[in-house]
Amino acid sequence: MSSESEKVKHYAQRVGYSDKELADFYQGGHRLRQVNRLAAAASRYSIEAEVVQARHCNSGHMVGQKFILDVDGNLITKLCPKKVCVYLVSQFTVPVALINERLSEGLEPDDFHFMRLVRCPDVGVECLGYGEVMVEIRVVPRG
């Protein structure tokens, strides 16, 4: 069995696919490509979201704080702030999906341009909101 098949089998076991679901999974070339390439990238890269602006954040996010995610988009909680705002991390969805797509297509993962910087949806006290936070999202080599 090829190394790629082993990666897919490992993935299927990890997420709990039945034999039928695994057979169905093999019908999508894009899924096989993504699982194999993300598995290969997992030991080489992490995704980092660093707070670059913060004012009046109710969750206490401050400039310089970092959120670390694996290439699948999972927060590595021991490497993140103890308190995490759901409104802020929900904004990571598009850039993480772009990074996943670039990795699965064999492209340079940090060479994306859309939504490199994202903001929480709060508009700040001047605009009838409460606070505001902006993060920069990038791919970093694992050390």
N, C-alpha and C. Protein backbone atom coordinates (compact mmCIF):
# COMPACT_ATOMS: atom_id res chain seq x y z
N MET A 1 0.85 -1.18 0.00
CA MET A 1 0.00 0.00 0.00
C MET A 1 0.89 1.25 0.00
N SER A 2 0.54 2.24 -0.79
CA SER A 2 1.36 3.44 -0.92
C SER A 2 1.29 4.29 0.35
N SER A 3 2.28 5.15 0.48
CA SER A 3 2.33 6.07 1.61
C SER A 3 1.09 6.97 1.62
N GLU A 4 0.63 7.38 0.40
CA GLU A 4 -0.56 8.22 0.32
C GLU A 4 -1.79 7.48 0.81
N SER A 5 -1.92 6.22 0.45
CA SER A 5 -3.06 5.42 0.92
C SER A 5 -3.03 5.27 2.43
N GLU A 6 -1.83 5.13 2.99
CA GLU A 6 -1.70 5.02 4.44
C GLU A 6 -2.14 6.30 5.13
N LYS A 7 -1.80 7.46 4.55
CA LYS A 7 -2.22 8.74 5.12
C LYS A 7 -3.74 8.85 5.12
N VAL A 8 -4.35 8.44 4.02
CA VAL A 8 -5.81 8.51 3.93
C VAL A 8 -6.45 7.54 4.93
N LYS A 9 -5.91 6.34 5.04
CA LYS A 9 -6.43 5.36 6.01
C LYS A 9 -6.30 5.88 7.44
N HIS A 10 -5.16 6.47 7.74
CA HIS A 10 -4.95 7.04 9.07
C HIS A 10 -5.96 8.15 9.34
N TYR A 11 -6.16 9.01 8.36
CA TYR A 11 -7.15 10.08 8.49
C TYR A 11 -8.55 9.48 8.75
N ALA A 12 -8.92 8.49 7.96
CA ALA A 12 -10.23 7.85 8.09
C ALA A 12 -10.42 7.24 9.47
N GLN A 13 -9.39 6.61 9.99
CA GLN A 13 -9.47 6.04 11.34
C GLN A 13 -9.60 7.13 12.38
N ARG A 14 -8.84 8.21 12.21
CA ARG A 14 -8.85 9.31 13.19
C ARG A 14 -10.22 9.95 13.29
N VAL A 15 -10.90 10.13 12.15
CA VAL A 15 -12.20 10.81 12.17
C VAL A 15 -13.37 9.84 12.28
N GLY A 16 -13.08 8.53 12.21
CA GLY A 16 -14.13 7.54 12.45
C GLY A 16 -14.96 7.15 11.25
N TYR A 17 -14.38 7.16 10.04
CA TYR A 17 -15.12 6.74 8.85
C TYR A 17 -15.42 5.25 8.89
N SER A 18 -16.60 4.89 8.43
CA SER A 18 -16.91 3.48 8.20
C SER A 18 -16.22 3.05 6.91
N ASP A 19 -16.23 1.74 6.62
CA ASP A 19 -15.63 1.26 5.37
C ASP A 19 -16.32 1.88 4.16
N LYS A 20 -17.65 2.02 4.23
CA LYS A 20 -18.39 2.62 3.12
C LYS A 20 -18.02 4.10 2.95
N GLU A 21 -17.92 4.80 4.07
CA GLU A 21 -17.55 6.22 3.99
C GLU A 21 -16.14 6.38 3.41
N LEU A 22 -15.24 5.50 3.80
CA LEU A 22 -13.89 5.55 3.24
C LEU A 22 -13.92 5.29 1.74
N ALA A 23 -14.71 4.33 1.32
CA ALA A 23 -14.84 4.05 -0.12
C ALA A 23 -15.40 5.27 -0.84
N ASP A 24 -16.40 5.92 -0.26
CA ASP A 24 -16.96 7.14 -0.84
C ASP A 24 -15.92 8.26 -0.89
N PHE A 25 -15.10 8.33 0.15
CA PHE A 25 -14.08 9.37 0.23
C PHE A 25 -13.12 9.28 -0.95
N TYR A 26 -12.79 8.08 -1.38
CA TYR A 26 -11.86 7.88 -2.49
C TYR A 26 -12.42 8.39 -3.82
N GLN A 27 -13.71 8.68 -3.88
CA GLN A 27 -14.30 9.19 -5.13
C GLN A 27 -13.95 10.65 -5.38
N GLY A 28 -13.48 11.36 -4.39
CA GLY A 28 -13.16 12.77 -4.57
C GLY A 28 -11.67 13.00 -4.63
N GLY A 29 -11.14 13.23 -5.82
CA GLY A 29 -9.71 13.47 -5.97
C GLY A 29 -9.20 14.64 -5.15
N HIS A 30 -10.03 15.68 -5.03
CA HIS A 30 -9.62 16.85 -4.26
C HIS A 30 -9.43 16.49 -2.79
N ARG A 31 -10.25 15.58 -2.26
CA ARG A 31 -10.12 15.20 -0.85
C ARG A 31 -8.85 14.39 -0.62
N LEU A 32 -8.55 13.49 -1.53
CA LEU A 32 -7.33 12.69 -1.41
C LEU A 32 -6.10 13.60 -1.46
N ARG A 33 -6.12 14.52 -2.40
CA ARG A 33 -5.01 15.46 -2.56
C ARG A 33 -4.84 16.28 -1.27
N GLN A 34 -5.95 16.78 -0.74
CA GLN A 34 -5.85 17.62 0.46
C GLN A 34 -5.35 16.83 1.66
N VAL A 35 -5.90 15.66 1.90
CA VAL A 35 -5.46 14.87 3.06
C VAL A 35 -3.98 14.53 2.94
N ASN A 36 -3.54 14.10 1.79
CA ASN A 36 -2.14 13.73 1.60
C ASN A 36 -1.20 14.92 1.73
N ARG A 37 -1.55 16.02 1.10
CA ARG A 37 -0.64 17.17 1.13
C ARG A 37 -0.65 17.87 2.49
N LEU A 38 -1.81 17.94 3.15
CA LEU A 38 -1.82 18.53 4.49
C LEU A 38 -1.07 17.64 5.48
N ALA A 39 -1.18 16.33 5.32
CA ALA A 39 -0.41 15.43 6.19
C ALA A 39 1.08 15.66 6.01
N ALA A 40 1.51 15.88 4.78
CA ALA A 40 2.92 16.14 4.51
C ALA A 40 3.36 17.50 5.06
N ALA A 41 2.46 18.48 5.04
CA ALA A 41 2.79 19.83 5.49
C ALA A 41 2.70 19.99 7.01
N ALA A 42 1.98 19.11 7.67
CA ALA A 42 1.71 19.26 9.11
C ALA A 42 2.97 19.35 9.95
N SER A 43 4.00 18.64 9.58
CA SER A 43 5.24 18.68 10.37
C SER A 43 6.13 19.86 9.99
N ARG A 44 5.79 20.54 8.91
CA ARG A 44 6.63 21.64 8.43
C ARG A 44 6.09 23.03 8.74
N TYR A 45 4.76 23.15 8.89
CA TYR A 45 4.16 24.47 9.02
C TYR A 45 3.14 24.54 10.15
N SER A 46 2.97 25.75 10.67
CA SER A 46 1.86 26.11 11.54
C SER A 46 1.25 27.37 10.97
N ILE A 47 0.06 27.68 11.41
CA ILE A 47 -0.59 28.94 11.04
C ILE A 47 -0.57 29.82 12.29
N GLU A 48 -0.16 31.06 12.10
CA GLU A 48 -0.05 32.00 13.21
C GLU A 48 -0.94 33.20 12.94
N ALA A 49 -1.74 33.57 13.92
CA ALA A 49 -2.55 34.78 13.84
C ALA A 49 -2.09 35.68 14.99
N GLU A 50 -1.49 36.80 14.64
CA GLU A 50 -0.94 37.70 15.65
C GLU A 50 -1.78 38.98 15.73
N VAL A 51 -2.13 39.36 16.94
CA VAL A 51 -2.89 40.59 17.15
C VAL A 51 -1.97 41.77 16.82
N VAL A 52 -2.39 42.59 15.84
CA VAL A 52 -1.58 43.74 15.43
C VAL A 52 -2.23 45.07 15.82
N GLN A 53 -3.52 45.04 16.14
CA GLN A 53 -4.21 46.21 16.68
C GLN A 53 -5.26 45.71 17.66
N ALA A 54 -5.41 46.44 18.75
CA ALA A 54 -6.44 46.08 19.74
C ALA A 54 -6.77 47.32 20.56
N ARG A 55 -8.08 47.54 20.70
CA ARG A 55 -8.56 48.63 21.55
C ARG A 55 -9.84 48.18 22.23
N HIS A 56 -9.87 48.30 23.54
CA HIS A 56 -11.08 48.08 24.33
C HIS A 56 -11.68 46.69 24.16
N CYS A 57 -10.87 45.68 23.96
CA CYS A 57 -11.37 44.33 23.73
C CYS A 57 -11.89 43.73 25.03
N ASN A 58 -13.14 43.30 25.02
CA ASN A 58 -13.78 42.71 26.20
C ASN A 58 -13.11 41.39 26.60
N SER A 59 -12.50 40.70 25.64
CA SER A 59 -11.82 39.43 25.95
C SER A 59 -10.37 39.65 26.37
N GLY A 60 -9.91 40.90 26.30
CA GLY A 60 -8.56 41.23 26.74
C GLY A 60 -7.47 40.96 25.72
N HIS A 61 -7.84 40.77 24.45
CA HIS A 61 -6.81 40.55 23.44
C HIS A 61 -5.96 41.81 23.29
N MET A 62 -4.64 41.59 23.21
CA MET A 62 -3.68 42.69 23.18
C MET A 62 -2.70 42.52 22.03
N VAL A 63 -2.16 43.63 21.56
CA VAL A 63 -1.16 43.60 20.51
C VAL A 63 -0.03 42.66 20.92
N GLY A 64 0.38 41.82 20.00
CA GLY A 64 1.46 40.87 20.24
C GLY A 64 0.98 39.48 20.61
N GLN A 65 -0.26 39.33 21.07
CA GLN A 65 -0.77 37.99 21.37
C GLN A 65 -0.81 37.17 20.09
N LYS A 66 -0.57 35.86 20.24
CA LYS A 66 -0.57 34.99 19.07
C LYS A 66 -1.51 33.81 19.30
N PHE A 67 -2.18 33.44 18.24
CA PHE A 67 -2.98 32.23 18.18
C PHE A 67 -2.24 31.30 17.23
N ILE A 68 -1.98 30.08 17.65
CA ILE A 68 -1.28 29.13 16.81
C ILE A 68 -2.26 28.02 16.43
N LEU A 69 -2.30 27.72 15.14
CA LEU A 69 -3.17 26.68 14.62
C LEU A 69 -2.33 25.68 13.84
N ASP A 70 -2.82 24.45 13.77
CA ASP A 70 -2.16 23.49 12.88
C ASP A 70 -2.66 23.75 11.46
N VAL A 71 -2.09 23.07 10.48
CA VAL A 71 -2.46 23.34 9.09
C VAL A 71 -3.89 22.92 8.76
N ASP A 72 -4.51 22.13 9.62
CA ASP A 72 -5.92 21.76 9.43
C ASP A 72 -6.86 22.84 9.96
N GLY A 73 -6.31 23.83 10.67
CA GLY A 73 -7.13 24.91 11.20
C GLY A 73 -7.57 24.72 12.64
N ASN A 74 -6.95 23.80 13.34
CA ASN A 74 -7.28 23.59 14.75
C ASN A 74 -6.42 24.48 15.63
N LEU A 75 -7.06 25.20 16.55
CA LEU A 75 -6.30 25.99 17.51
C LEU A 75 -5.50 25.05 18.40
N ILE A 76 -4.23 25.36 18.60
CA ILE A 76 -3.39 24.62 19.54
C ILE A 76 -3.53 25.38 20.86
N THR A 77 -4.47 24.95 21.68
CA THR A 77 -4.91 25.74 22.83
C THR A 77 -3.79 26.09 23.80
N LYS A 78 -2.81 25.20 23.97
CA LYS A 78 -1.73 25.52 24.90
C LYS A 78 -0.83 26.64 24.37
N LEU A 79 -0.97 26.97 23.08
CA LEU A 79 -0.18 28.05 22.47
C LEU A 79 -1.02 29.28 22.16
N CYS A 80 -2.21 29.35 22.74
CA CYS A 80 -3.14 30.46 22.50
C CYS A 80 -3.44 31.16 23.82
N PRO A 81 -3.99 32.37 23.76
CA PRO A 81 -4.41 33.02 25.00
C PRO A 81 -5.43 32.14 25.74
N LYS A 82 -5.45 32.27 27.07
CA LYS A 82 -6.39 31.48 27.87
C LYS A 82 -7.84 31.83 27.55
N LYS A 83 -8.09 33.07 27.26
CA LYS A 83 -9.43 33.53 26.91
C LYS A 83 -9.42 33.87 25.43
N VAL A 84 -10.34 33.27 24.66
CA VAL A 84 -10.38 33.46 23.21
C VAL A 84 -11.77 33.91 22.81
N CYS A 85 -11.84 35.00 22.07
CA CYS A 85 -13.12 35.56 21.62
C CYS A 85 -13.63 34.82 20.38
N VAL A 86 -14.82 34.28 20.47
CA VAL A 86 -15.42 33.54 19.35
C VAL A 86 -15.63 34.45 18.14
N TYR A 87 -15.92 35.71 18.37
CA TYR A 87 -16.14 36.64 17.26
C TYR A 87 -14.86 36.88 16.48
N LEU A 88 -13.74 36.93 17.19
CA LEU A 88 -12.45 37.13 16.52
C LEU A 88 -12.03 35.87 15.77
N VAL A 89 -12.02 34.71 16.44
CA VAL A 89 -11.51 33.51 15.76
C VAL A 89 -12.41 33.07 14.62
N SER A 90 -13.67 33.48 14.64
CA SER A 90 -14.55 33.14 13.51
C SER A 90 -14.08 33.81 12.23
N GLN A 91 -13.32 34.87 12.36
CA GLN A 91 -12.82 35.58 11.18
C GLN A 91 -11.60 34.89 10.56
N PHE A 92 -11.07 33.87 11.22
CA PHE A 92 -9.93 33.12 10.68
C PHE A 92 -10.35 32.17 9.57
N THR A 93 -11.64 31.93 9.41
CA THR A 93 -12.13 30.89 8.51
C THR A 93 -11.62 31.04 7.08
N VAL A 94 -11.79 32.20 6.48
CA VAL A 94 -11.40 32.36 5.07
C VAL A 94 -9.89 32.27 4.88
N PRO A 95 -9.07 32.98 5.67
CA PRO A 95 -7.63 32.84 5.44
C PRO A 95 -7.12 31.42 5.68
N VAL A 96 -7.66 30.73 6.68
CA VAL A 96 -7.22 29.35 6.92
C VAL A 96 -7.64 28.46 5.74
N ALA A 97 -8.83 28.68 5.21
CA ALA A 97 -9.28 27.92 4.04
C ALA A 97 -8.37 28.21 2.84
N LEU A 98 -7.97 29.45 2.66
CA LEU A 98 -7.04 29.80 1.57
C LEU A 98 -5.70 29.07 1.74
N ILE A 99 -5.20 29.05 2.96
CA ILE A 99 -3.94 28.36 3.25
C ILE A 99 -4.09 26.87 2.98
N ASN A 100 -5.19 26.28 3.44
CA ASN A 100 -5.46 24.85 3.17
C ASN A 100 -5.47 24.58 1.68
N GLU A 101 -6.14 25.42 0.94
CA GLU A 101 -6.24 25.24 -0.51
C GLU A 101 -4.86 25.33 -1.16
N ARG A 102 -4.07 26.31 -0.75
CA ARG A 102 -2.73 26.47 -1.33
C ARG A 102 -1.87 25.24 -1.01
N LEU A 103 -1.93 24.76 0.22
CA LEU A 103 -1.17 23.56 0.59
C LEU A 103 -1.64 22.35 -0.21
N SER A 104 -2.94 22.21 -0.35
CA SER A 104 -3.46 21.02 -1.05
C SER A 104 -3.16 21.05 -2.54
N GLU A 105 -2.87 22.22 -3.08
CA GLU A 105 -2.53 22.34 -4.50
C GLU A 105 -1.03 22.44 -4.72
N GLY A 106 -0.25 22.28 -3.65
CA GLY A 106 1.21 22.30 -3.78
C GLY A 106 1.79 23.68 -4.02
N LEU A 107 1.07 24.72 -3.62
CA LEU A 107 1.54 26.10 -3.82
C LEU A 107 2.21 26.62 -2.54
N GLU A 108 2.95 27.70 -2.66
CA GLU A 108 3.57 28.35 -1.51
C GLU A 108 2.45 28.76 -0.55
N PRO A 109 2.41 28.23 0.67
CA PRO A 109 1.25 28.44 1.54
C PRO A 109 1.07 29.86 2.04
N ASP A 110 2.15 30.64 2.15
CA ASP A 110 2.02 31.99 2.71
C ASP A 110 1.92 33.06 1.63
N ASP A 111 1.73 32.66 0.38
CA ASP A 111 1.70 33.62 -0.72
C ASP A 111 0.25 33.91 -1.14
N PHE A 112 -0.61 34.15 -0.17
CA PHE A 112 -1.99 34.52 -0.47
C PHE A 112 -2.14 36.01 -0.19
N HIS A 113 -3.10 36.65 -0.81
CA HIS A 113 -3.24 38.09 -0.62
C HIS A 113 -4.58 38.49 -0.01
N PHE A 114 -5.59 37.67 -0.16
CA PHE A 114 -6.93 38.03 0.31
C PHE A 114 -7.08 37.68 1.78
N MET A 115 -7.47 38.64 2.58
CA MET A 115 -7.76 38.46 4.00
C MET A 115 -6.54 38.01 4.81
N ARG A 116 -5.40 38.55 4.50
CA ARG A 116 -4.20 38.32 5.32
C ARG A 116 -4.38 39.00 6.68
N LEU A 117 -5.07 40.12 6.68
CA LEU A 117 -5.44 40.83 7.90
C LEU A 117 -6.95 40.72 8.06
N VAL A 118 -7.39 40.35 9.27
CA VAL A 118 -8.83 40.26 9.53
C VAL A 118 -9.14 40.96 10.84
N ARG A 119 -10.38 41.41 10.96
CA ARG A 119 -10.84 42.11 12.16
C ARG A 119 -12.01 41.37 12.79
N CYS A 120 -12.13 41.52 14.08
CA CYS A 120 -13.35 41.04 14.72
C CYS A 120 -14.49 41.91 14.19
N PRO A 121 -15.73 41.42 14.23
CA PRO A 121 -16.83 42.20 13.66
C PRO A 121 -17.24 43.42 14.48
N ASP A 122 -16.71 43.57 15.69
CA ASP A 122 -17.03 44.74 16.50
C ASP A 122 -16.44 45.98 15.83
N VAL A 123 -17.18 47.05 15.80
CA VAL A 123 -16.76 48.26 15.08
C VAL A 123 -16.15 49.33 15.97
N GLY A 124 -16.07 49.09 17.26
CA GLY A 124 -15.47 50.06 18.17
C GLY A 124 -16.50 51.01 18.75
N VAL A 125 -16.15 51.61 19.85
CA VAL A 125 -17.07 52.45 20.62
C VAL A 125 -17.55 53.66 19.81
N GLU A 126 -16.71 54.19 18.93
CA GLU A 126 -17.08 55.37 18.13
C GLU A 126 -18.22 55.06 17.16
N CYS A 127 -18.40 53.81 16.82
CA CYS A 127 -19.43 53.39 15.86
C CYS A 127 -20.53 52.56 16.53
N LEU A 128 -20.77 52.83 17.80
CA LEU A 128 -21.81 52.18 18.61
C LEU A 128 -21.50 50.73 18.95
N GLY A 129 -20.23 50.35 18.84
CA GLY A 129 -19.79 49.02 19.26
C GLY A 129 -19.08 49.11 20.60
N TYR A 130 -18.16 48.21 20.84
CA TYR A 130 -17.48 48.12 22.13
C TYR A 130 -15.97 48.26 22.02
N GLY A 131 -15.37 47.48 21.15
CA GLY A 131 -13.92 47.46 20.99
C GLY A 131 -13.58 47.00 19.59
N GLU A 132 -12.31 46.75 19.35
CA GLU A 132 -11.91 46.27 18.03
C GLU A 132 -10.54 45.62 18.10
N VAL A 133 -10.40 44.55 17.31
CA VAL A 133 -9.15 43.80 17.26
C VAL A 133 -8.88 43.42 15.81
N MET A 134 -7.61 43.51 15.40
CA MET A 134 -7.21 43.06 14.08
C MET A 134 -6.02 42.11 14.25
N VAL A 135 -6.04 41.03 13.46
CA VAL A 135 -4.93 40.07 13.49
C VAL A 135 -4.37 39.91 12.08
N GLU A 136 -3.09 39.57 12.04
CA GLU A 136 -2.43 39.23 10.79
C GLU A 136 -2.23 37.71 10.79
N ILE A 137 -2.63 37.07 9.72
CA ILE A 137 -2.54 35.61 9.63
C ILE A 137 -1.45 35.25 8.63
N ARG A 138 -0.58 34.33 9.06
CA ARG A 138 0.52 33.91 8.20
C ARG A 138 0.86 32.44 8.47
N VAL A 139 1.57 31.87 7.53
CA VAL A 139 2.08 30.52 7.67
C VAL A 139 3.53 30.65 8.15
N VAL A 140 3.87 29.87 9.18
CA VAL A 140 5.22 29.93 9.71
C VAL A 140 5.82 28.52 9.73
N PRO A 141 7.12 28.43 9.47
CA PRO A 141 7.77 27.12 9.58
C PRO A 141 7.76 26.66 11.03
N ARG A 142 7.59 25.37 11.22
CA ARG A 142 7.65 24.82 12.58
C ARG A 142 9.11 24.64 12.96
N GLY A 143 9.37 25.00 14.21
CA GLY A 143 10.75 24.94 14.67
C GLY A 143 11.14 23.72 15.36
